[in-house]
């Protein structure tokens, strides 16, 4: 096979692999699912296509319109439900605990009030994308946090294994998800 055909075959395989990877995230949105500008970015097939935020979302008052610089993040989502993501995507290197990899997740919504809902009715789940049938649901209801990033819903999650994970939150009919790579610290 000549060099031209080998290069063409390599390009074809790259396109096929990218199409297969993007198929993991394509499809019809579920009712109430937030539409945001940001897509998983396909890397090498052995790596995780973490969500890279598109145009940053500006949070409505009374929250800060952008996260404090200290977090090196941007808002991702819509006024109905949003979170903070790093501009290059989330890669969590976490210590492994007996219950898996423990992480705190923060979520905001224009419908959330610390005074009216001290234990927010938010559900956070995870689905491993690079293995079949591996999921989790946060075991406790959310609580709240008030800090330099405003008033947020705080949910602790136990991720059972390292890998490529879709993290999904649902709050008052709104759904927001993103893809994160989890590895041992």
N, C-alpha and C. Protein backbone atom coordinates (compact mmCIF):
# COMPACT_ATOMS: atom_id res chain seq x y z
N UNK A 1 0.85 -1.16 0.00
CA UNK A 1 0.00 0.00 0.00
C UNK A 1 0.90 1.23 0.00
N UNK A 2 0.61 2.18 -0.89
CA UNK A 2 1.49 3.34 -0.95
C UNK A 2 1.18 4.33 0.18
N UNK A 3 2.06 5.30 0.37
CA UNK A 3 1.98 6.26 1.46
C UNK A 3 0.68 7.06 1.44
N UNK A 4 0.19 7.41 0.27
CA UNK A 4 -1.05 8.18 0.13
C UNK A 4 -2.23 7.39 0.69
N UNK A 5 -2.30 6.10 0.36
CA UNK A 5 -3.40 5.26 0.83
C UNK A 5 -3.34 5.08 2.35
N UNK A 6 -2.15 4.91 2.89
CA UNK A 6 -1.98 4.76 4.34
C UNK A 6 -2.44 6.02 5.05
N UNK A 7 -2.06 7.21 4.53
CA UNK A 7 -2.49 8.46 5.15
C UNK A 7 -4.01 8.60 5.06
N UNK A 8 -4.59 8.23 3.92
CA UNK A 8 -6.04 8.31 3.74
C UNK A 8 -6.75 7.37 4.70
N UNK A 9 -6.23 6.15 4.87
CA UNK A 9 -6.81 5.19 5.79
C UNK A 9 -6.73 5.72 7.22
N UNK A 10 -5.58 6.30 7.59
CA UNK A 10 -5.42 6.88 8.92
C UNK A 10 -6.41 7.99 9.18
N UNK A 11 -6.61 8.87 8.18
CA UNK A 11 -7.56 9.97 8.31
C UNK A 11 -8.98 9.42 8.45
N UNK A 12 -9.32 8.39 7.66
CA UNK A 12 -10.65 7.78 7.73
C UNK A 12 -10.90 7.19 9.10
N UNK A 13 -9.92 6.48 9.66
CA UNK A 13 -10.07 5.91 11.00
C UNK A 13 -10.25 7.00 12.05
N UNK A 14 -9.51 8.09 11.91
CA UNK A 14 -9.63 9.21 12.84
C UNK A 14 -11.04 9.78 12.79
N UNK A 15 -11.59 9.96 11.60
CA UNK A 15 -12.94 10.49 11.44
C UNK A 15 -13.96 9.52 12.04
N UNK A 16 -13.80 8.23 11.80
CA UNK A 16 -14.73 7.23 12.34
C UNK A 16 -14.68 7.23 13.87
N UNK A 17 -13.49 7.25 14.44
CA UNK A 17 -13.35 7.25 15.89
C UNK A 17 -13.96 8.52 16.48
N UNK A 18 -13.72 9.67 15.87
CA UNK A 18 -14.31 10.92 16.35
C UNK A 18 -15.83 10.85 16.28
N UNK A 19 -16.37 10.27 15.21
CA UNK A 19 -17.82 10.15 15.07
C UNK A 19 -18.39 9.24 16.16
N UNK A 20 -17.71 8.13 16.43
CA UNK A 20 -18.17 7.22 17.48
C UNK A 20 -18.14 7.90 18.84
N UNK A 21 -17.06 8.62 19.14
CA UNK A 21 -16.96 9.32 20.41
C UNK A 21 -18.03 10.38 20.55
N UNK A 22 -18.27 11.14 19.50
CA UNK A 22 -19.28 12.19 19.59
C UNK A 22 -20.66 11.59 19.71
N UNK A 23 -20.86 10.37 19.24
CA UNK A 23 -22.15 9.71 19.39
C UNK A 23 -22.51 9.45 20.83
N UNK A 24 -21.53 9.39 21.71
CA UNK A 24 -21.80 9.21 23.13
C UNK A 24 -22.51 10.40 23.72
N UNK A 25 -22.40 11.54 23.07
CA UNK A 25 -22.93 12.76 23.64
C UNK A 25 -24.01 13.38 22.77
N UNK A 26 -24.23 12.82 21.61
CA UNK A 26 -25.23 13.38 20.72
C UNK A 26 -26.59 12.81 21.09
N UNK A 27 -27.61 13.27 20.42
CA UNK A 27 -28.94 12.75 20.65
C UNK A 27 -29.86 13.85 21.07
N UNK A 28 -31.13 13.48 21.21
CA UNK A 28 -32.13 14.46 21.58
C UNK A 28 -31.98 14.82 23.04
N UNK A 29 -32.18 16.10 23.34
CA UNK A 29 -32.13 16.56 24.73
C UNK A 29 -33.37 16.07 25.45
N UNK A 30 -33.22 15.76 26.71
CA UNK A 30 -34.37 15.38 27.51
C UNK A 30 -35.15 16.63 27.86
N UNK A 31 -36.46 16.49 28.11
CA UNK A 31 -37.24 17.67 28.48
C UNK A 31 -36.63 18.36 29.68
N UNK A 32 -36.54 19.67 29.63
CA UNK A 32 -35.97 20.45 30.72
C UNK A 32 -34.46 20.52 30.71
N UNK A 33 -33.81 19.84 29.76
CA UNK A 33 -32.34 19.84 29.74
C UNK A 33 -31.85 21.19 29.25
N UNK A 34 -30.89 21.74 29.97
CA UNK A 34 -30.33 23.03 29.61
C UNK A 34 -29.54 22.92 28.32
N UNK A 35 -29.69 23.91 27.46
CA UNK A 35 -28.88 23.98 26.25
C UNK A 35 -27.76 24.96 26.53
N UNK A 36 -26.54 24.52 26.40
CA UNK A 36 -25.39 25.36 26.70
C UNK A 36 -24.40 25.29 25.57
N UNK A 37 -23.54 26.31 25.51
CA UNK A 37 -22.50 26.29 24.48
C UNK A 37 -21.26 25.64 25.07
N UNK A 38 -21.01 24.44 24.66
CA UNK A 38 -19.86 23.68 25.11
C UNK A 38 -20.04 22.26 24.66
N UNK A 39 -19.02 21.66 24.19
CA UNK A 39 -19.11 20.30 23.69
C UNK A 39 -17.96 19.48 24.20
N UNK A 40 -18.20 18.17 24.35
CA UNK A 40 -17.06 17.33 24.65
C UNK A 40 -16.04 17.43 23.52
N UNK A 41 -14.78 17.49 23.86
CA UNK A 41 -13.72 17.57 22.86
C UNK A 41 -13.08 16.20 22.76
N UNK A 42 -13.15 15.58 21.58
CA UNK A 42 -12.59 14.25 21.39
C UNK A 42 -11.08 14.33 21.38
N UNK A 43 -10.45 13.55 22.25
CA UNK A 43 -9.00 13.46 22.29
C UNK A 43 -8.64 12.08 21.73
N UNK A 44 -7.50 11.57 22.08
CA UNK A 44 -7.14 10.21 21.67
C UNK A 44 -8.21 9.26 22.21
N UNK A 45 -8.50 8.18 21.50
CA UNK A 45 -9.55 7.27 21.94
C UNK A 45 -9.35 6.74 23.36
N UNK A 46 -8.12 6.65 23.83
CA UNK A 46 -7.87 6.15 25.17
C UNK A 46 -8.09 7.21 26.25
N UNK A 47 -8.35 8.43 25.84
CA UNK A 47 -8.55 9.51 26.80
C UNK A 47 -10.01 9.90 26.87
N UNK A 48 -10.32 10.75 27.80
CA UNK A 48 -11.70 11.16 28.06
C UNK A 48 -12.04 12.46 27.33
N UNK A 49 -13.16 12.52 26.61
CA UNK A 49 -13.57 13.75 25.93
C UNK A 49 -14.25 14.71 26.91
N UNK A 50 -13.45 15.36 27.77
CA UNK A 50 -14.01 16.26 28.79
C UNK A 50 -14.75 17.42 28.13
N UNK A 51 -15.75 17.93 28.83
CA UNK A 51 -16.52 19.06 28.33
C UNK A 51 -15.70 20.33 28.46
N UNK A 52 -15.53 21.01 27.35
CA UNK A 52 -14.83 22.29 27.31
C UNK A 52 -15.90 23.36 27.08
N UNK A 53 -16.09 24.27 28.05
CA UNK A 53 -17.14 25.28 27.90
C UNK A 53 -16.91 26.13 26.65
N UNK A 54 -17.98 26.48 26.01
CA UNK A 54 -17.91 27.40 24.88
C UNK A 54 -17.89 28.82 25.41
N UNK A 55 -18.72 29.66 24.85
CA UNK A 55 -18.82 31.05 25.31
C UNK A 55 -19.25 31.05 26.77
N UNK A 56 -18.50 31.74 27.65
CA UNK A 56 -18.84 31.72 29.08
C UNK A 56 -20.24 32.30 29.33
N UNK A 57 -20.92 31.69 30.26
CA UNK A 57 -22.22 32.13 30.72
C UNK A 57 -22.01 33.19 31.80
N UNK A 58 -22.75 34.28 31.77
CA UNK A 58 -22.68 35.31 32.80
C UNK A 58 -23.84 35.10 33.76
N UNK A 59 -23.54 34.85 35.02
CA UNK A 59 -24.57 34.56 36.01
C UNK A 59 -25.41 35.80 36.31
N UNK A 60 -26.69 35.59 36.61
CA UNK A 60 -27.55 36.72 36.96
C UNK A 60 -27.31 37.17 38.40
N UNK A 61 -27.59 38.45 38.71
CA UNK A 61 -27.49 38.90 40.09
C UNK A 61 -28.47 38.10 40.96
N UNK A 62 -28.18 37.87 42.20
CA UNK A 62 -27.12 38.48 43.01
C UNK A 62 -25.79 37.72 42.96
N UNK A 63 -25.69 36.67 42.14
CA UNK A 63 -24.44 35.92 42.04
C UNK A 63 -23.39 36.75 41.31
N UNK A 64 -22.12 36.49 41.53
CA UNK A 64 -21.09 37.18 40.72
C UNK A 64 -21.28 36.81 39.25
N UNK A 65 -21.15 37.75 38.36
CA UNK A 65 -21.38 37.47 36.94
C UNK A 65 -20.36 36.47 36.39
N UNK A 66 -19.15 36.46 36.97
CA UNK A 66 -18.13 35.46 36.62
C UNK A 66 -17.55 34.93 37.93
N UNK A 67 -17.05 33.70 37.94
CA UNK A 67 -16.45 33.17 39.17
C UNK A 67 -15.21 33.98 39.55
N UNK A 68 -14.91 34.08 40.85
CA UNK A 68 -13.68 34.74 41.26
C UNK A 68 -12.47 34.11 40.57
N UNK A 69 -11.50 34.92 40.22
CA UNK A 69 -10.32 34.48 39.46
C UNK A 69 -9.58 33.32 40.14
N UNK A 70 -9.63 33.28 41.45
CA UNK A 70 -8.95 32.24 42.22
C UNK A 70 -9.31 30.83 41.72
N UNK A 71 -10.55 30.62 41.26
CA UNK A 71 -11.01 29.30 40.85
C UNK A 71 -10.57 28.91 39.45
N UNK A 72 -10.04 29.85 38.69
CA UNK A 72 -9.58 29.59 37.32
C UNK A 72 -10.64 28.83 36.52
N UNK A 73 -11.90 29.30 36.64
CA UNK A 73 -13.03 28.63 36.02
C UNK A 73 -13.96 29.64 35.36
N UNK A 74 -14.91 29.11 34.61
CA UNK A 74 -15.97 29.92 34.02
C UNK A 74 -17.30 29.27 34.42
N UNK A 75 -18.36 30.07 34.37
CA UNK A 75 -19.69 29.51 34.57
C UNK A 75 -20.05 28.70 33.34
N UNK A 76 -20.76 27.59 33.57
CA UNK A 76 -21.20 26.71 32.49
C UNK A 76 -22.66 26.34 32.75
N UNK A 77 -23.53 26.67 31.84
CA UNK A 77 -24.94 26.33 31.97
C UNK A 77 -25.82 27.48 31.54
N UNK A 78 -26.97 27.59 32.19
CA UNK A 78 -27.92 28.67 31.94
C UNK A 78 -28.40 29.20 33.28
N UNK A 79 -29.19 30.25 33.28
CA UNK A 79 -29.69 30.83 34.54
C UNK A 79 -30.51 29.81 35.34
N UNK A 80 -31.10 28.84 34.68
CA UNK A 80 -31.91 27.84 35.37
C UNK A 80 -31.06 26.84 36.14
N UNK A 81 -29.81 26.56 35.66
CA UNK A 81 -28.91 25.64 36.35
C UNK A 81 -27.51 25.80 35.76
N UNK A 82 -26.53 26.07 36.62
CA UNK A 82 -25.16 26.21 36.14
C UNK A 82 -24.16 25.73 37.18
N UNK A 83 -22.92 25.57 36.74
CA UNK A 83 -21.82 25.13 37.58
C UNK A 83 -20.55 25.85 37.12
N UNK A 84 -19.42 25.55 37.78
CA UNK A 84 -18.12 26.10 37.36
C UNK A 84 -17.32 24.99 36.68
N UNK A 85 -16.72 25.32 35.55
CA UNK A 85 -15.80 24.40 34.88
C UNK A 85 -14.53 25.14 34.50
N UNK A 86 -13.43 24.45 34.48
CA UNK A 86 -12.19 25.05 33.98
C UNK A 86 -12.33 25.23 32.46
N UNK A 87 -11.77 26.29 31.91
CA UNK A 87 -11.88 26.52 30.46
C UNK A 87 -11.36 25.36 29.62
N UNK A 88 -10.37 24.62 30.12
CA UNK A 88 -9.81 23.49 29.37
C UNK A 88 -10.52 22.17 29.70
N UNK A 89 -11.53 22.22 30.56
CA UNK A 89 -12.26 21.02 30.96
C UNK A 89 -11.81 20.52 32.32
N UNK A 90 -12.62 19.65 32.89
CA UNK A 90 -12.37 19.15 34.24
C UNK A 90 -11.56 17.86 34.21
N UNK A 91 -10.43 17.86 34.90
CA UNK A 91 -9.64 16.66 35.14
C UNK A 91 -9.44 16.61 36.64
N UNK A 92 -10.06 15.63 37.28
CA UNK A 92 -9.99 15.51 38.73
C UNK A 92 -8.99 14.42 39.11
N UNK A 93 -7.92 14.81 39.79
CA UNK A 93 -6.97 13.86 40.35
C UNK A 93 -7.25 13.83 41.84
N UNK A 94 -7.86 12.74 42.30
CA UNK A 94 -8.39 12.67 43.66
C UNK A 94 -7.78 11.51 44.42
N UNK A 95 -7.67 11.65 45.76
CA UNK A 95 -7.23 10.50 46.54
C UNK A 95 -8.35 9.45 46.57
N UNK A 96 -7.96 8.18 46.54
CA UNK A 96 -8.96 7.12 46.59
C UNK A 96 -9.31 6.81 48.03
N UNK A 97 -10.59 6.82 48.34
CA UNK A 97 -11.13 6.50 49.66
C UNK A 97 -11.79 5.13 49.58
N UNK A 98 -12.18 4.53 50.70
CA UNK A 98 -12.87 3.23 50.63
C UNK A 98 -14.13 3.27 49.76
N UNK A 99 -14.85 4.40 49.75
CA UNK A 99 -16.08 4.51 48.96
C UNK A 99 -15.82 4.97 47.52
N UNK A 100 -14.57 5.16 47.15
CA UNK A 100 -14.22 5.60 45.80
C UNK A 100 -13.50 6.94 45.84
N UNK A 101 -13.80 7.76 44.86
CA UNK A 101 -13.19 9.09 44.76
C UNK A 101 -14.24 10.12 45.19
N UNK A 102 -13.95 10.85 46.26
CA UNK A 102 -14.91 11.78 46.84
C UNK A 102 -14.66 13.17 46.27
N UNK A 103 -15.74 13.83 45.87
CA UNK A 103 -15.62 15.18 45.31
C UNK A 103 -16.84 16.00 45.71
N UNK A 104 -16.63 17.29 45.90
CA UNK A 104 -17.72 18.23 46.14
C UNK A 104 -18.09 18.87 44.82
N UNK A 105 -19.39 18.96 44.55
CA UNK A 105 -19.85 19.65 43.35
C UNK A 105 -20.72 20.83 43.78
N UNK A 106 -20.60 21.93 43.08
CA UNK A 106 -21.35 23.14 43.37
C UNK A 106 -22.23 23.47 42.18
N UNK A 107 -23.47 23.87 42.46
CA UNK A 107 -24.46 24.16 41.43
C UNK A 107 -25.21 25.43 41.82
N UNK A 108 -25.61 26.21 40.84
CA UNK A 108 -26.35 27.44 41.05
C UNK A 108 -27.60 27.43 40.20
N UNK A 109 -28.61 28.17 40.65
CA UNK A 109 -29.84 28.32 39.87
C UNK A 109 -30.52 29.62 40.28
N UNK A 110 -31.16 30.27 39.31
CA UNK A 110 -31.92 31.47 39.65
C UNK A 110 -33.16 31.10 40.47
N UNK A 111 -33.48 29.82 40.58
CA UNK A 111 -34.63 29.36 41.36
C UNK A 111 -34.26 28.98 42.80
N UNK A 112 -32.97 29.01 43.12
CA UNK A 112 -32.51 28.56 44.43
C UNK A 112 -32.40 29.72 45.41
N UNK A 113 -32.89 29.48 46.63
CA UNK A 113 -32.77 30.45 47.71
C UNK A 113 -32.33 29.71 48.97
N UNK A 114 -31.22 30.13 49.57
CA UNK A 114 -30.72 29.50 50.79
C UNK A 114 -31.79 29.57 51.88
N UNK A 115 -32.46 30.72 51.98
CA UNK A 115 -33.46 30.90 53.03
C UNK A 115 -34.69 30.02 52.81
N UNK A 116 -35.10 29.88 51.56
CA UNK A 116 -36.30 29.10 51.26
C UNK A 116 -36.06 27.62 51.10
N UNK A 117 -34.81 27.21 50.96
CA UNK A 117 -34.51 25.80 50.69
C UNK A 117 -33.13 25.44 51.25
N UNK A 118 -33.04 25.29 52.58
CA UNK A 118 -31.73 24.99 53.17
C UNK A 118 -31.17 23.64 52.71
N UNK A 119 -32.03 22.68 52.32
CA UNK A 119 -31.60 21.39 51.78
C UNK A 119 -32.17 21.29 50.37
N UNK A 120 -31.46 21.85 49.37
CA UNK A 120 -32.01 21.89 48.02
C UNK A 120 -32.32 20.50 47.45
N UNK A 121 -33.40 20.44 46.71
CA UNK A 121 -33.86 19.20 46.09
C UNK A 121 -33.15 18.97 44.77
N UNK A 122 -31.83 18.89 44.83
CA UNK A 122 -31.02 18.65 43.64
C UNK A 122 -30.54 17.20 43.67
N UNK A 123 -30.54 16.58 42.51
CA UNK A 123 -30.06 15.20 42.38
C UNK A 123 -28.84 15.22 41.46
N UNK A 124 -27.76 14.59 41.91
CA UNK A 124 -26.55 14.49 41.08
C UNK A 124 -26.24 13.01 40.88
N UNK A 125 -26.07 12.65 39.61
CA UNK A 125 -25.76 11.27 39.25
C UNK A 125 -24.53 11.25 38.35
N UNK A 126 -23.98 10.09 38.19
CA UNK A 126 -22.83 9.93 37.30
C UNK A 126 -22.96 8.65 36.51
N UNK A 127 -22.41 8.68 35.31
CA UNK A 127 -22.42 7.51 34.42
C UNK A 127 -21.04 7.42 33.79
N UNK A 128 -20.41 6.28 33.98
CA UNK A 128 -19.07 6.09 33.40
C UNK A 128 -19.21 5.84 31.90
N UNK A 129 -18.49 6.61 31.11
CA UNK A 129 -18.60 6.54 29.66
C UNK A 129 -17.65 5.53 29.03
N UNK A 130 -16.59 5.18 29.75
CA UNK A 130 -15.61 4.26 29.18
C UNK A 130 -15.73 2.85 29.77
N UNK A 131 -16.85 2.55 30.39
CA UNK A 131 -17.14 1.21 30.91
C UNK A 131 -18.65 1.06 30.94
N UNK A 132 -19.12 -0.14 30.81
CA UNK A 132 -20.56 -0.39 30.74
C UNK A 132 -21.16 -0.59 32.13
N UNK A 133 -22.28 0.06 32.37
CA UNK A 133 -23.06 -0.19 33.57
C UNK A 133 -22.54 0.36 34.87
N UNK A 134 -21.54 1.24 34.86
CA UNK A 134 -21.01 1.80 36.10
C UNK A 134 -21.64 3.18 36.30
N UNK A 135 -22.39 3.33 37.39
CA UNK A 135 -23.10 4.58 37.68
C UNK A 135 -23.01 4.89 39.17
N UNK A 136 -23.45 6.08 39.54
CA UNK A 136 -23.63 6.43 40.95
C UNK A 136 -24.73 7.47 41.06
N UNK A 137 -25.31 7.55 42.24
CA UNK A 137 -26.24 8.62 42.60
C UNK A 137 -25.77 9.16 43.94
N UNK A 138 -25.67 10.46 44.06
CA UNK A 138 -25.25 11.06 45.33
C UNK A 138 -26.20 10.56 46.42
N UNK A 139 -25.64 10.08 47.51
CA UNK A 139 -26.44 9.47 48.56
C UNK A 139 -27.16 10.43 49.48
N UNK A 140 -26.73 11.66 49.51
CA UNK A 140 -27.34 12.63 50.41
C UNK A 140 -27.96 13.76 49.61
N UNK A 141 -29.00 14.40 50.19
CA UNK A 141 -29.53 15.57 49.49
C UNK A 141 -28.50 16.69 49.53
N UNK A 142 -28.70 17.67 48.71
CA UNK A 142 -27.78 18.80 48.70
C UNK A 142 -27.89 19.62 49.96
N UNK A 143 -26.91 20.43 50.17
CA UNK A 143 -26.94 21.43 51.23
C UNK A 143 -26.61 22.75 50.54
N UNK A 144 -26.23 23.76 51.29
CA UNK A 144 -25.90 25.02 50.64
C UNK A 144 -24.54 25.52 51.11
N UNK A 145 -23.96 26.36 50.29
CA UNK A 145 -22.68 26.98 50.60
C UNK A 145 -22.78 28.45 50.23
N UNK A 146 -22.21 29.28 51.07
CA UNK A 146 -22.16 30.71 50.79
C UNK A 146 -20.69 31.11 50.89
N UNK A 147 -20.16 31.61 49.77
CA UNK A 147 -18.74 31.98 49.73
C UNK A 147 -18.56 33.09 48.71
N UNK A 148 -17.31 33.32 48.33
CA UNK A 148 -17.01 34.37 47.37
C UNK A 148 -17.62 34.10 45.99
N UNK A 149 -18.11 32.89 45.76
CA UNK A 149 -18.76 32.56 44.49
C UNK A 149 -20.27 32.68 44.57
N UNK A 150 -20.79 33.23 45.65
CA UNK A 150 -22.23 33.42 45.80
C UNK A 150 -22.85 32.30 46.61
N UNK A 151 -24.16 32.19 46.51
CA UNK A 151 -24.92 31.16 47.23
C UNK A 151 -25.13 29.98 46.30
N UNK A 152 -24.59 28.84 46.71
CA UNK A 152 -24.60 27.66 45.83
C UNK A 152 -25.23 26.46 46.53
N UNK A 153 -25.66 25.51 45.70
CA UNK A 153 -26.07 24.20 46.20
C UNK A 153 -24.81 23.33 46.19
N UNK A 154 -24.56 22.64 47.28
CA UNK A 154 -23.37 21.81 47.43
C UNK A 154 -23.81 20.35 47.54
N UNK A 155 -23.23 19.50 46.69
CA UNK A 155 -23.54 18.07 46.72
C UNK A 155 -22.23 17.30 46.68
N UNK A 156 -22.01 16.47 47.71
CA UNK A 156 -20.86 15.59 47.73
C UNK A 156 -21.17 14.32 46.95
N UNK A 157 -20.21 13.89 46.13
CA UNK A 157 -20.41 12.67 45.35
C UNK A 157 -19.28 11.69 45.61
N UNK A 158 -19.62 10.40 45.53
CA UNK A 158 -18.64 9.32 45.65
C UNK A 158 -18.57 8.63 44.29
N UNK A 159 -17.49 8.86 43.57
CA UNK A 159 -17.30 8.27 42.25
C UNK A 159 -16.62 6.92 42.46
N UNK A 160 -17.27 5.82 42.08
CA UNK A 160 -16.75 4.50 42.46
C UNK A 160 -15.42 4.10 41.86
N UNK A 161 -15.10 4.60 40.65
CA UNK A 161 -13.86 4.19 39.98
C UNK A 161 -13.26 5.36 39.23
N UNK A 162 -12.00 5.25 38.91
CA UNK A 162 -11.39 6.22 38.01
C UNK A 162 -11.97 5.98 36.62
N UNK A 163 -11.89 6.98 35.76
CA UNK A 163 -12.37 6.82 34.39
C UNK A 163 -12.97 8.10 33.86
N UNK A 164 -13.73 7.95 32.81
CA UNK A 164 -14.37 9.06 32.12
C UNK A 164 -15.84 9.10 32.55
N UNK A 165 -16.25 10.19 33.19
CA UNK A 165 -17.57 10.26 33.81
C UNK A 165 -18.40 11.42 33.28
N UNK A 166 -19.67 11.15 33.04
CA UNK A 166 -20.64 12.21 32.80
C UNK A 166 -21.30 12.50 34.15
N UNK A 167 -21.18 13.73 34.61
CA UNK A 167 -21.80 14.18 35.85
C UNK A 167 -23.07 14.92 35.45
N UNK A 168 -24.20 14.55 36.04
CA UNK A 168 -25.50 15.10 35.64
C UNK A 168 -26.25 15.57 36.88
N UNK A 169 -26.73 16.81 36.84
CA UNK A 169 -27.53 17.35 37.93
C UNK A 169 -28.93 17.66 37.42
N UNK A 170 -29.91 17.44 38.29
CA UNK A 170 -31.29 17.80 37.98
C UNK A 170 -31.84 18.59 39.15
N UNK A 171 -32.41 19.75 38.82
CA UNK A 171 -32.97 20.63 39.85
C UNK A 171 -34.19 21.34 39.28
N UNK A 172 -35.34 21.10 39.92
CA UNK A 172 -36.61 21.74 39.53
C UNK A 172 -36.87 21.60 38.03
N UNK A 173 -36.67 20.41 37.50
CA UNK A 173 -36.96 20.12 36.10
C UNK A 173 -35.86 20.50 35.12
N UNK A 174 -34.81 21.16 35.58
CA UNK A 174 -33.69 21.52 34.72
C UNK A 174 -32.58 20.48 34.86
N UNK A 175 -31.92 20.20 33.75
CA UNK A 175 -30.85 19.20 33.74
C UNK A 175 -29.60 19.83 33.13
N UNK A 176 -28.46 19.57 33.75
CA UNK A 176 -27.18 20.03 33.21
C UNK A 176 -26.17 18.92 33.43
N UNK A 177 -25.35 18.66 32.41
CA UNK A 177 -24.33 17.62 32.56
C UNK A 177 -23.03 18.07 31.91
N UNK A 178 -21.96 17.44 32.35
CA UNK A 178 -20.64 17.67 31.76
C UNK A 178 -19.82 16.41 31.93
N UNK A 179 -18.73 16.31 31.17
CA UNK A 179 -17.87 15.13 31.21
C UNK A 179 -16.55 15.51 31.89
N UNK A 180 -16.11 14.65 32.79
CA UNK A 180 -14.89 14.87 33.56
C UNK A 180 -14.04 13.60 33.54
N UNK A 181 -12.73 13.78 33.54
CA UNK A 181 -11.80 12.65 33.67
C UNK A 181 -11.40 12.53 35.13
N UNK A 182 -11.52 11.35 35.69
CA UNK A 182 -11.19 11.10 37.10
C UNK A 182 -10.04 10.12 37.15
N UNK A 183 -9.00 10.48 37.91
CA UNK A 183 -7.88 9.58 38.09
C UNK A 183 -7.40 9.68 39.54
N UNK A 184 -6.59 8.71 39.94
CA UNK A 184 -6.07 8.70 41.30
C UNK A 184 -4.96 9.71 41.43
N UNK A 185 -4.95 10.40 42.54
CA UNK A 185 -3.95 11.43 42.83
C UNK A 185 -2.59 10.80 43.03
